[in-house]
Structures are given as structure tokens and as C-alpha cells.
Amino acid sequence: MGGKIMLISTIKQLLLFHTDGHGLKYILRHTGMSKNTDKSFLLKFAVLQCFVDDLLKLDDPLLEGRFQGGNPSYSDDRHEVLLERMPYFMAELKKKGVTRHLLWEEY
């Protein structure tokens, strides 16, 4: 997946084509996904062990959360500390001679 965000409608198309019994080449041709991306979504679908109809009824943000879990670093406490200090860092970067590397060392 390479960190790319997939359109939810593309994920829904993938699920529909897969449940209709279409092959991998057919799905790739009609969704524009790469082979590895397609396989990773189908693997996640198999791990979820739920019905396609249930997934298709989900709102887009919920469906996206099932297939694209997001970055686990956001659950780290250090992320909160960084966000709290961000206004300070932004103000410091506007000063002459202050670099991101210098701020990183300070952090």
C-alpha cells in the first residue's frame, strides 16, 4: 500500500468484485489497484471474518478504519507531548538561525 490513501469506493468495489467471484486480474483492471495492494486488502478482509454486506453498510470512516488502521505512533504518549510543544516549535522556526535539526535536538 505504500502509505497511500485508498478511496473507500475502491475498497467497496474490490469487495463486491471478490464476492461476485471475479478473478484477481479482473479486479485489478477495474479498480486500478496494484496486485500487492489488492492482496493485502483481501487478506485483511479474510482476517476480519465478517460478511461483505455488513462492511458495505458501514459509513466510510468506519470502513476505512477497518482496512487502513492508521499510524500506531499516534497512540504513543510522546505524540501528545510533541503536539503540545508544536506552537513553540513553529514560533522558533520563524527566528533567524533556528533549524529543525536544532529544535529536534532540543526536543
PDB file of N, CA and C in Angstrom:
ATOM      1  N   MET A   1       0.810  -1.187   0.000  1.00  0.00           N
ATOM      2  CA  MET A   1       0.000   0.000   0.000  1.00  0.00           C
ATOM      3  C   MET A   1       0.855   1.253   0.000  1.00  0.00           C
ATOM      4  N   GLY A   2       2.003   1.232   0.566  1.00  0.00           N
ATOM      5  CA  GLY A   2       2.908   2.343   0.480  1.00  0.00           C
ATOM      6  C   GLY A   2       2.403   3.618   1.127  1.00  0.00           C
ATOM      7  N   GLY A   3       1.494   3.524   2.064  1.00  0.00           N
ATOM      8  CA  GLY A   3       1.018   4.708   2.748  1.00  0.00           C
ATOM      9  C   GLY A   3       0.008   5.521   1.980  1.00  0.00           C
ATOM     10  N   LYS A   4      -0.384   5.061   0.825  1.00  0.00           N
ATOM     11  CA  LYS A   4      -1.375   5.787   0.041  1.00  0.00           C
ATOM     12  C   LYS A   4      -2.758   5.581   0.639  1.00  0.00           C
ATOM     13  N   ILE A   5      -3.565   6.600   0.530  1.00  0.00           N
ATOM     14  CA  ILE A   5      -4.942   6.503   0.996  1.00  0.00           C
ATOM     15  C   ILE A   5      -5.797   5.991  -0.155  1.00  0.00           C
ATOM     16  N   MET A   6      -6.529   4.920   0.082  1.00  0.00           N
ATOM     17  CA  MET A   6      -7.424   4.356  -0.917  1.00  0.00           C
ATOM     18  C   MET A   6      -8.793   4.983  -0.785  1.00  0.00           C
ATOM     19  N   LEU A   7      -9.402   5.250  -1.900  1.00  0.00           N
ATOM     20  CA  LEU A   7     -10.771   5.722  -1.855  1.00  0.00           C
ATOM     21  C   LEU A   7     -11.660   4.596  -1.355  1.00  0.00           C
ATOM     22  N   ILE A   8     -12.601   4.955  -0.513  1.00  0.00           N
ATOM     23  CA  ILE A   8     -13.472   3.945   0.072  1.00  0.00           C
ATOM     24  C   ILE A   8     -14.290   3.259  -1.014  1.00  0.00           C
ATOM     25  N   SER A   9     -14.712   4.007  -2.002  1.00  0.00           N
ATOM     26  CA  SER A   9     -15.488   3.387  -3.074  1.00  0.00           C
ATOM     27  C   SER A   9     -14.669   2.313  -3.784  1.00  0.00           C
ATOM     28  N   THR A  10     -13.347   2.488  -3.856  1.00  0.00           N
ATOM     29  CA  THR A  10     -12.490   1.482  -4.467  1.00  0.00           C
ATOM     30  C   THR A  10     -12.458   0.224  -3.612  1.00  0.00           C
ATOM     31  N   ILE A  11     -12.425   0.392  -2.294  1.00  0.00           N
ATOM     32  CA  ILE A  11     -12.443  -0.764  -1.403  1.00  0.00           C
ATOM     33  C   ILE A  11     -13.779  -1.492  -1.526  1.00  0.00           C
ATOM     34  N   LYS A  12     -14.852  -0.739  -1.627  1.00  0.00           N
ATOM     35  CA  LYS A  12     -16.163  -1.364  -1.782  1.00  0.00           C
ATOM     36  C   LYS A  12     -16.250  -2.115  -3.111  1.00  0.00           C
ATOM     37  N   GLN A  13     -15.695  -1.539  -4.175  1.00  0.00           N
ATOM     38  CA  GLN A  13     -15.673  -2.228  -5.470  1.00  0.00           C
ATOM     39  C   GLN A  13     -14.889  -3.524  -5.366  1.00  0.00           C
ATOM     40  N   LEU A  14     -13.747  -3.465  -4.712  1.00  0.00           N
ATOM     41  CA  LEU A  14     -12.920  -4.651  -4.535  1.00  0.00           C
ATOM     42  C   LEU A  14     -13.706  -5.755  -3.845  1.00  0.00           C
ATOM     43  N   LEU A  15     -14.399  -5.394  -2.768  1.00  0.00           N
ATOM     44  CA  LEU A  15     -15.177  -6.390  -2.028  1.00  0.00           C
ATOM     45  C   LEU A  15     -16.300  -6.968  -2.878  1.00  0.00           C
ATOM     46  N   LEU A  16     -16.983  -6.107  -3.617  1.00  0.00           N
ATOM     47  CA  LEU A  16     -18.078  -6.592  -4.470  1.00  0.00           C
ATOM     48  C   LEU A  16     -17.569  -7.526  -5.559  1.00  0.00           C
ATOM     49  N   PHE A  17     -16.472  -7.130  -6.227  1.00  0.00           N
ATOM     50  CA  PHE A  17     -15.918  -7.972  -7.281  1.00  0.00           C
ATOM     51  C   PHE A  17     -15.457  -9.314  -6.712  1.00  0.00           C
ATOM     52  N   HIS A  18     -14.841  -9.270  -5.531  1.00  0.00           N
ATOM     53  CA  HIS A  18     -14.342 -10.503  -4.916  1.00  0.00           C
ATOM     54  C   HIS A  18     -15.487 -11.446  -4.559  1.00  0.00           C
ATOM     55  N   THR A  19     -16.554 -10.903  -3.986  1.00  0.00           N
ATOM     56  CA  THR A  19     -17.677 -11.770  -3.603  1.00  0.00           C
ATOM     57  C   THR A  19     -18.456 -12.257  -4.819  1.00  0.00           C
ATOM     58  N   ASP A  20     -18.390 -11.517  -5.923  1.00  0.00           N
ATOM     59  CA  ASP A  20     -19.044 -11.976  -7.151  1.00  0.00           C
ATOM     60  C   ASP A  20     -18.249 -13.072  -7.846  1.00  0.00           C
ATOM     61  N   GLY A  21     -17.050 -13.355  -7.328  1.00  0.00           N
ATOM     62  CA  GLY A  21     -16.259 -14.448  -7.872  1.00  0.00           C
ATOM     63  C   GLY A  21     -15.310 -14.047  -8.986  1.00  0.00           C
ATOM     64  N   HIS A  22     -15.091 -12.768  -9.171  1.00  0.00           N
ATOM     65  CA  HIS A  22     -14.166 -12.312 -10.210  1.00  0.00           C
ATOM     66  C   HIS A  22     -12.733 -12.580  -9.784  1.00  0.00           C
ATOM     67  N   GLY A  23     -11.905 -12.824 -10.769  1.00  0.00           N
ATOM     68  CA  GLY A  23     -10.509 -13.120 -10.509  1.00  0.00           C
ATOM     69  C   GLY A  23      -9.686 -11.878 -10.217  1.00  0.00           C
ATOM     70  N   LEU A  24      -8.449 -12.116  -9.835  1.00  0.00           N
ATOM     71  CA  LEU A  24      -7.543 -11.039  -9.457  1.00  0.00           C
ATOM     72  C   LEU A  24      -7.297 -10.068 -10.615  1.00  0.00           C
ATOM     73  N   LYS A  25      -7.074 -10.589 -11.816  1.00  0.00           N
ATOM     74  CA  LYS A  25      -6.801  -9.719 -12.963  1.00  0.00           C
ATOM     75  C   LYS A  25      -7.999  -8.831 -13.286  1.00  0.00           C
ATOM     76  N   TYR A  26      -9.178  -9.372 -13.183  1.00  0.00           N
ATOM     77  CA  TYR A  26     -10.394  -8.589 -13.435  1.00  0.00           C
ATOM     78  C   TYR A  26     -10.503  -7.453 -12.416  1.00  0.00           C
ATOM     79  N   ILE A  27     -10.269  -7.782 -11.159  1.00  0.00           N
ATOM     80  CA  ILE A  27     -10.371  -6.776 -10.094  1.00  0.00           C
ATOM     81  C   ILE A  27      -9.325  -5.688 -10.303  1.00  0.00           C
ATOM     82  N   LEU A  28      -8.114  -6.081 -10.640  1.00  0.00           N
ATOM     83  CA  LEU A  28      -7.044  -5.107 -10.849  1.00  0.00           C
ATOM     84  C   LEU A  28      -7.365  -4.173 -12.011  1.00  0.00           C
ATOM     85  N   ARG A  29      -7.899  -4.728 -13.067  1.00  0.00           N
ATOM     86  CA  ARG A  29      -8.230  -3.933 -14.245  1.00  0.00           C
ATOM     87  C   ARG A  29      -9.312  -2.908 -13.945  1.00  0.00           C
ATOM     88  N   HIS A  30     -10.288  -3.275 -13.146  1.00  0.00           N
ATOM     89  CA  HIS A  30     -11.427  -2.385 -12.906  1.00  0.00           C
ATOM     90  C   HIS A  30     -11.245  -1.437 -11.714  1.00  0.00           C
ATOM     91  N   THR A  31     -10.350  -1.766 -10.792  1.00  0.00           N
ATOM     92  CA  THR A  31     -10.142  -0.876  -9.644  1.00  0.00           C
ATOM     93  C   THR A  31      -8.895  -0.019  -9.779  1.00  0.00           C
ATOM     94  N   GLY A  32      -7.955  -0.452 -10.602  1.00  0.00           N
ATOM     95  CA  GLY A  32      -6.719   0.299 -10.765  1.00  0.00           C
ATOM     96  C   GLY A  32      -5.729   0.088  -9.630  1.00  0.00           C
ATOM     97  N   MET A  33      -5.976  -0.907  -8.787  1.00  0.00           N
ATOM     98  CA  MET A  33      -5.066  -1.210  -7.678  1.00  0.00           C
ATOM     99  C   MET A  33      -3.882  -2.016  -8.187  1.00  0.00           C
ATOM    100  N   SER A  34      -2.809  -1.985  -7.412  1.00  0.00           N
ATOM    101  CA  SER A  34      -1.698  -2.875  -7.709  1.00  0.00           C
ATOM    102  C   SER A  34      -2.026  -4.265  -7.153  1.00  0.00           C
ATOM    103  N   LYS A  35      -1.287  -5.236  -7.619  1.00  0.00           N
ATOM    104  CA  LYS A  35      -1.543  -6.607  -7.198  1.00  0.00           C
ATOM    105  C   LYS A  35      -1.310  -6.776  -5.699  1.00  0.00           C
ATOM    106  N   ASN A  36      -0.250  -6.175  -5.175  1.00  0.00           N
ATOM    107  CA  ASN A  36       0.056  -6.320  -3.753  1.00  0.00           C
ATOM    108  C   ASN A  36      -0.980  -5.616  -2.888  1.00  0.00           C
ATOM    109  N   THR A  37      -1.466  -4.453  -3.335  1.00  0.00           N
ATOM    110  CA  THR A  37      -2.490  -3.736  -2.582  1.00  0.00           C
ATOM    111  C   THR A  37      -3.771  -4.554  -2.538  1.00  0.00           C
ATOM    112  N   ASP A  38      -4.137  -5.102  -3.684  1.00  0.00           N
ATOM    113  CA  ASP A  38      -5.338  -5.924  -3.762  1.00  0.00           C
ATOM    114  C   ASP A  38      -5.227  -7.120  -2.825  1.00  0.00           C
ATOM    115  N   LYS A  39      -4.085  -7.780  -2.856  1.00  0.00           N
ATOM    116  CA  LYS A  39      -3.897  -8.948  -1.995  1.00  0.00           C
ATOM    117  C   LYS A  39      -3.930  -8.566  -0.519  1.00  0.00           C
ATOM    118  N   SER A  40      -3.360  -7.408  -0.179  1.00  0.00           N
ATOM    119  CA  SER A  40      -3.340  -7.017   1.231  1.00  0.00           C
ATOM    120  C   SER A  40      -4.754  -6.706   1.727  1.00  0.00           C
ATOM    121  N   PHE A  41      -5.582  -6.074   0.889  1.00  0.00           N
ATOM    122  CA  PHE A  41      -6.957  -5.808   1.289  1.00  0.00           C
ATOM    123  C   PHE A  41      -7.753  -7.097   1.423  1.00  0.00           C
ATOM    124  N   LEU A  42      -7.548  -8.031   0.508  1.00  0.00           N
ATOM    125  CA  LEU A  42      -8.259  -9.310   0.597  1.00  0.00           C
ATOM    126  C   LEU A  42      -7.808 -10.099   1.827  1.00  0.00           C
ATOM    127  N   LEU A  43      -6.524  -9.987   2.183  1.00  0.00           N
ATOM    128  CA  LEU A  43      -6.032 -10.642   3.384  1.00  0.00           C
ATOM    129  C   LEU A  43      -6.671 -10.016   4.630  1.00  0.00           C
ATOM    130  N   LYS A  44      -6.765  -8.692   4.657  1.00  0.00           N
ATOM    131  CA  LYS A  44      -7.419  -8.028   5.783  1.00  0.00           C
ATOM    132  C   LYS A  44      -8.891  -8.419   5.862  1.00  0.00           C
ATOM    133  N   PHE A  45      -9.531  -8.547   4.702  1.00  0.00           N
ATOM    134  CA  PHE A  45     -10.921  -8.970   4.670  1.00  0.00           C
ATOM    135  C   PHE A  45     -11.071 -10.375   5.259  1.00  0.00           C
ATOM    136  N   ALA A  46     -10.146 -11.266   4.926  1.00  0.00           N
ATOM    137  CA  ALA A  46     -10.194 -12.628   5.451  1.00  0.00           C
ATOM    138  C   ALA A  46      -9.970 -12.636   6.966  1.00  0.00           C
ATOM    139  N   VAL A  47      -9.116 -11.767   7.452  1.00  0.00           N
ATOM    140  CA  VAL A  47      -8.841 -11.696   8.892  1.00  0.00           C
ATOM    141  C   VAL A  47     -10.049 -11.146   9.646  1.00  0.00           C
ATOM    142  N   LEU A  48     -10.777 -10.214   9.036  1.00  0.00           N
ATOM    143  CA  LEU A  48     -11.935  -9.623   9.701  1.00  0.00           C
ATOM    144  C   LEU A  48     -13.042 -10.638   9.965  1.00  0.00           C
ATOM    145  N   GLN A  49     -13.147 -11.630   9.108  1.00  0.00           N
ATOM    146  CA  GLN A  49     -14.152 -12.684   9.234  1.00  0.00           C
ATOM    147  C   GLN A  49     -15.561 -12.126   9.435  1.00  0.00           C
ATOM    148  N   CYS A  50     -15.943 -11.248   8.529  1.00  0.00           N
ATOM    149  CA  CYS A  50     -17.308 -10.730   8.578  1.00  0.00           C
ATOM    150  C   CYS A  50     -17.877 -10.737   7.160  1.00  0.00           C
ATOM    151  N   PHE A  51     -19.162 -10.517   7.061  1.00  0.00           N
ATOM    152  CA  PHE A  51     -19.829 -10.565   5.771  1.00  0.00           C
ATOM    153  C   PHE A  51     -19.616  -9.259   5.007  1.00  0.00           C
ATOM    154  N   VAL A  52     -19.544  -9.372   3.697  1.00  0.00           N
ATOM    155  CA  VAL A  52     -19.340  -8.197   2.852  1.00  0.00           C
ATOM    156  C   VAL A  52     -20.498  -7.225   3.011  1.00  0.00           C
ATOM    157  N   ASP A  53     -21.709  -7.747   3.118  1.00  0.00           N
ATOM    158  CA  ASP A  53     -22.874  -6.871   3.273  1.00  0.00           C
ATOM    159  C   ASP A  53     -22.748  -5.993   4.516  1.00  0.00           C
ATOM    160  N   ASP A  54     -22.215  -6.567   5.586  1.00  0.00           N
ATOM    161  CA  ASP A  54     -22.027  -5.796   6.817  1.00  0.00           C
ATOM    162  C   ASP A  54     -20.988  -4.687   6.610  1.00  0.00           C
ATOM    163  N   LEU A  55     -19.917  -5.001   5.869  1.00  0.00           N
ATOM    164  CA  LEU A  55     -18.892  -3.998   5.610  1.00  0.00           C
ATOM    165  C   LEU A  55     -19.409  -2.893   4.698  1.00  0.00           C
ATOM    166  N   LEU A  56     -20.202  -3.257   3.707  1.00  0.00           N
ATOM    167  CA  LEU A  56     -20.708  -2.257   2.767  1.00  0.00           C
ATOM    168  C   LEU A  56     -21.714  -1.308   3.417  1.00  0.00           C
ATOM    169  N   LYS A  57     -22.354  -1.756   4.483  1.00  0.00           N
ATOM    170  CA  LYS A  57     -23.311  -0.904   5.193  1.00  0.00           C
ATOM    171  C   LYS A  57     -22.621   0.125   6.090  1.00  0.00           C
ATOM    172  N   LEU A  58     -21.344  -0.102   6.394  1.00  0.00           N
ATOM    173  CA  LEU A  58     -20.619   0.809   7.267  1.00  0.00           C
ATOM    174  C   LEU A  58     -20.412   2.160   6.593  1.00  0.00           C
ATOM    175  N   ASP A  59     -20.394   3.205   7.400  1.00  0.00           N
ATOM    176  CA  ASP A  59     -20.042   4.523   6.882  1.00  0.00           C
ATOM    177  C   ASP A  59     -18.582   4.498   6.455  1.00  0.00           C
ATOM    178  N   ASP A  60     -18.232   5.410   5.559  1.00  0.00           N
ATOM    179  CA  ASP A  60     -16.882   5.418   5.013  1.00  0.00           C
ATOM    180  C   ASP A  60     -15.772   5.518   6.061  1.00  0.00           C
ATOM    181  N   PRO A  61     -15.880   6.390   7.070  1.00  0.00           N
ATOM    182  CA  PRO A  61     -14.798   6.435   8.066  1.00  0.00           C
ATOM    183  C   PRO A  61     -14.631   5.129   8.845  1.00  0.00           C
ATOM    184  N   LEU A  62     -15.718   4.463   9.131  1.00  0.00           N
ATOM    185  CA  LEU A  62     -15.629   3.184   9.849  1.00  0.00           C
ATOM    186  C   LEU A  62     -15.006   2.105   8.976  1.00  0.00           C
ATOM    187  N   LEU A  63     -15.397   2.091   7.713  1.00  0.00           N
ATOM    188  CA  LEU A  63     -14.830   1.113   6.787  1.00  0.00           C
ATOM    189  C   LEU A  63     -13.342   1.372   6.589  1.00  0.00           C
ATOM    190  N   GLU A  64     -12.984   2.640   6.481  1.00  0.00           N
ATOM    191  CA  GLU A  64     -11.572   2.989   6.324  1.00  0.00           C
ATOM    192  C   GLU A  64     -10.776   2.536   7.541  1.00  0.00           C
ATOM    193  N   GLY A  65     -11.347   2.689   8.720  1.00  0.00           N
ATOM    194  CA  GLY A  65     -10.668   2.256   9.936  1.00  0.00           C
ATOM    195  C   GLY A  65     -10.433   0.760   9.976  1.00  0.00           C
ATOM    196  N   ARG A  66     -11.339   0.001   9.373  1.00  0.00           N
ATOM    197  CA  ARG A  66     -11.171  -1.455   9.339  1.00  0.00           C
ATOM    198  C   ARG A  66     -10.021  -1.874   8.424  1.00  0.00           C
ATOM    199  N   PHE A  67      -9.876  -1.174   7.298  1.00  0.00           N
ATOM    200  CA  PHE A  67      -8.892  -1.581   6.307  1.00  0.00           C
ATOM    201  C   PHE A  67      -7.598  -0.775   6.371  1.00  0.00           C
ATOM    202  N   GLN A  68      -7.680   0.463   6.829  1.00  0.00           N
ATOM    203  CA  GLN A  68      -6.493   1.306   6.916  1.00  0.00           C
ATOM    204  C   GLN A  68      -6.408   1.812   8.344  1.00  0.00           C
ATOM    205  N   GLY A  69      -5.833   1.007   9.199  1.00  0.00           N
ATOM    206  CA  GLY A  69      -5.830   1.292  10.624  1.00  0.00           C
ATOM    207  C   GLY A  69      -5.143   2.573  11.038  1.00  0.00           C
ATOM    208  N   GLY A  70      -4.319   3.135  10.211  1.00  0.00           N
ATOM    209  CA  GLY A  70      -3.638   4.362  10.579  1.00  0.00           C
ATOM    210  C   GLY A  70      -2.289   4.086  11.196  1.00  0.00           C
ATOM    211  N   ASN A  71      -1.635   5.129  11.575  1.00  0.00           N
ATOM    212  CA  ASN A  71      -0.291   5.050  12.105  1.00  0.00           C
ATOM    213  C   ASN A  71      -0.340   4.784  13.608  1.00  0.00           C
ATOM    214  N   PRO A  72       0.284   3.734  14.085  1.00  0.00           N
ATOM    215  CA  PRO A  72       0.235   3.435  15.514  1.00  0.00           C
ATOM    216  C   PRO A  72       0.992   4.450  16.365  1.00  0.00           C
ATOM    217  N   SER A  73       1.824   5.303  15.764  1.00  0.00           N
ATOM    218  CA  SER A  73       2.568   6.278  16.558  1.00  0.00           C
ATOM    219  C   SER A  73       1.637   7.301  17.191  1.00  0.00           C
ATOM    220  N   TYR A  74       0.448   7.481  16.635  1.00  0.00           N
ATOM    221  CA  TYR A  74      -0.487   8.430  17.218  1.00  0.00           C
ATOM    222  C   TYR A  74      -1.002   7.964  18.571  1.00  0.00           C
ATOM    223  N   SER A  75      -0.888   6.710  18.878  1.00  0.00           N
ATOM    224  CA  SER A  75      -1.337   6.208  20.167  1.00  0.00           C
ATOM    225  C   SER A  75      -0.243   6.308  21.231  1.00  0.00           C
ATOM    226  N   ASP A  76       0.950   6.715  20.824  1.00  0.00           N
ATOM    227  CA  ASP A  76       2.069   6.857  21.747  1.00  0.00           C
ATOM    228  C   ASP A  76       1.934   8.155  22.542  1.00  0.00           C
ATOM    229  N   ASP A  77       2.287   8.124  23.820  1.00  0.00           N
ATOM    230  CA  ASP A  77       2.209   9.313  24.670  1.00  0.00           C
ATOM    231  C   ASP A  77       3.118  10.433  24.177  1.00  0.00           C
ATOM    232  N   ARG A  78       4.233  10.072  23.554  1.00  0.00           N
ATOM    233  CA  ARG A  78       5.156  11.093  23.058  1.00  0.00           C
ATOM    234  C   ARG A  78       4.514  11.962  21.989  1.00  0.00           C
ATOM    235  N   HIS A  79       3.557  11.417  21.272  1.00  0.00           N
ATOM    236  CA  HIS A  79       2.872  12.188  20.243  1.00  0.00           C
ATOM    237  C   HIS A  79       2.109  13.354  20.871  1.00  0.00           C
ATOM    238  N   GLU A  80       1.484  13.121  22.009  1.00  0.00           N
ATOM    239  CA  GLU A  80       0.763  14.183  22.717  1.00  0.00           C
ATOM    240  C   GLU A  80       1.721  15.280  23.176  1.00  0.00           C
ATOM    241  N   VAL A  81       2.888  14.875  23.679  1.00  0.00           N
ATOM    242  CA  VAL A  81       3.885  15.847  24.127  1.00  0.00           C
ATOM    243  C   VAL A  81       4.351  16.693  22.945  1.00  0.00           C
ATOM    244  N   LEU A  82       4.580  16.048  21.830  1.00  0.00           N
ATOM    245  CA  LEU A  82       5.002  16.770  20.630  1.00  0.00           C
ATOM    246  C   LEU A  82       3.935  17.769  20.188  1.00  0.00           C
ATOM    247  N   LEU A  83       2.683  17.357  20.185  1.00  0.00           N
ATOM    248  CA  LEU A  83       1.603  18.255  19.779  1.00  0.00           C
ATOM    249  C   LEU A  83       1.483  19.454  20.710  1.00  0.00           C
ATOM    250  N   GLU A  84       1.722  19.243  22.013  1.00  0.00           N
ATOM    251  CA  GLU A  84       1.660  20.352  22.966  1.00  0.00           C
ATOM    252  C   GLU A  84       2.762  21.374  22.713  1.00  0.00           C
ATOM    253  N   ARG A  85       3.916  20.902  22.269  1.00  0.00           N
ATOM    254  CA  ARG A  85       5.057  21.795  22.056  1.00  0.00           C
ATOM    255  C   ARG A  85       5.102  22.377  20.642  1.00  0.00           C
ATOM    256  N   MET A  86       4.217  21.952  19.772  1.00  0.00           N
ATOM    257  CA  MET A  86       4.252  22.382  18.372  1.00  0.00           C
ATOM    258  C   MET A  86       4.141  23.902  18.200  1.00  0.00           C
ATOM    259  N   PRO A  87       3.260  24.622  18.911  1.00  0.00           N
ATOM    260  CA  PRO A  87       3.226  26.081  18.743  1.00  0.00           C
ATOM    261  C   PRO A  87       4.573  26.745  19.066  1.00  0.00           C
ATOM    262  N   TYR A  88       5.252  26.235  20.087  1.00  0.00           N
ATOM    263  CA  TYR A  88       6.578  26.757  20.433  1.00  0.00           C
ATOM    264  C   TYR A  88       7.548  26.513  19.285  1.00  0.00           C
ATOM    265  N   PHE A  89       7.558  25.306  18.746  1.00  0.00           N
ATOM    266  CA  PHE A  89       8.463  24.985  17.645  1.00  0.00           C
ATOM    267  C   PHE A  89       8.183  25.849  16.417  1.00  0.00           C
ATOM    268  N   MET A  90       6.922  26.066  16.118  1.00  0.00           N
ATOM    269  CA  MET A  90       6.565  26.875  14.951  1.00  0.00           C
ATOM    270  C   MET A  90       7.043  28.321  15.128  1.00  0.00           C
ATOM    271  N   ALA A  91       6.912  28.840  16.338  1.00  0.00           N
ATOM    272  CA  ALA A  91       7.374  30.207  16.604  1.00  0.00           C
ATOM    273  C   ALA A  91       8.896  30.283  16.517  1.00  0.00           C
ATOM    274  N   GLU A  92       9.570  29.274  17.024  1.00  0.00           N
ATOM    275  CA  GLU A  92      11.032  29.271  16.998  1.00  0.00           C
ATOM    276  C   GLU A  92      11.575  29.172  15.572  1.00  0.00           C
ATOM    277  N   LEU A  93      10.889  28.414  14.711  1.00  0.00           N
ATOM    278  CA  LEU A  93      11.353  28.252  13.337  1.00  0.00           C
ATOM    279  C   LEU A  93      11.331  29.567  12.563  1.00  0.00           C
ATOM    280  N   LYS A  94      10.522  30.511  12.985  1.00  0.00           N
ATOM    281  CA  LYS A  94      10.455  31.800  12.308  1.00  0.00           C
ATOM    282  C   LYS A  94      11.655  32.686  12.648  1.00  0.00           C
ATOM    283  N   LYS A  95      12.372  32.325  13.698  1.00  0.00           N
ATOM    284  CA  LYS A  95      13.541  33.101  14.099  1.00  0.00           C
ATOM    285  C   LYS A  95      14.734  32.749  13.217  1.00  0.00           C
ATOM    286  N   LYS A  96      15.581  33.725  13.041  1.00  0.00           N
ATOM    287  CA  LYS A  96      16.759  33.532  12.208  1.00  0.00           C
ATOM    288  C   LYS A  96      17.758  32.616  12.904  1.00  0.00           C
ATOM    289  N   GLY A  97      18.288  31.648  12.175  1.00  0.00           N
ATOM    290  CA  GLY A  97      19.302  30.754  12.698  1.00  0.00           C
ATOM    291  C   GLY A  97      18.764  29.502  13.373  1.00  0.00           C
ATOM    292  N   VAL A  98      17.460  29.398  13.546  1.00  0.00           N
ATOM    293  CA  VAL A  98      16.873  28.214  14.180  1.00  0.00           C
ATOM    294  C   VAL A  98      16.508  27.217  13.089  1.00  0.00           C
ATOM    295  N   THR A  99      17.000  26.009  13.243  1.00  0.00           N
ATOM    296  CA  THR A  99      16.724  24.971  12.253  1.00  0.00           C
ATOM    297  C   THR A  99      15.870  23.870  12.875  1.00  0.00           C
ATOM    298  N   ARG A 100      15.315  23.058  12.018  1.00  0.00           N
ATOM    299  CA  ARG A 100      14.539  21.911  12.515  1.00  0.00           C
ATOM    300  C   ARG A 100      15.430  20.946  13.276  1.00  0.00           C
ATOM    301  N   HIS A 101      16.647  20.812  12.809  1.00  0.00           N
ATOM    302  CA  HIS A 101      17.584  19.904  13.491  1.00  0.00           C
ATOM    303  C   HIS A 101      17.885  20.413  14.897  1.00  0.00           C
ATOM    304  N   LEU A 102      18.082  21.702  15.040  1.00  0.00           N
ATOM    305  CA  LEU A 102      18.324  22.285  16.352  1.00  0.00           C
ATOM    306  C   LEU A 102      17.132  22.055  17.300  1.00  0.00           C
ATOM    307  N   LEU A 103      15.920  22.241  16.766  1.00  0.00           N
ATOM    308  CA  LEU A 103      14.731  22.008  17.570  1.00  0.00           C
ATOM    309  C   LEU A 103      14.566  20.527  17.919  1.00  0.00           C
ATOM    310  N   TRP A 104      14.947  19.674  16.990  1.00  0.00           N
ATOM    311  CA  TRP A 104      14.871  18.243  17.259  1.00  0.00           C
ATOM    312  C   TRP A 104      15.819  17.858  18.400  1.00  0.00           C
ATOM    313  N   GLU A 105      17.027  18.424  18.376  1.00  0.00           N
ATOM    314  CA  GLU A 105      17.967  18.148  19.467  1.00  0.00           C
ATOM    315  C   GLU A 105      17.411  18.650  20.789  1.00  0.00           C
ATOM    316  N   GLU A 106      16.769  19.815  20.755  1.00  0.00           N
ATOM    317  CA  GLU A 106      16.185  20.365  21.969  1.00  0.00           C
ATOM    318  C   GLU A 106      15.031  19.484  22.466  1.00  0.00           C
ATOM    319  N   TYR A 107      14.258  18.956  21.533  1.00  0.00           N
ATOM    320  CA  TYR A 107      13.133  18.095  21.884  1.00  0.00           C
ATOM    321  C   TYR A 107      13.633  16.821  22.544  1.00  0.00           C
TER     322      TYR A 107
END
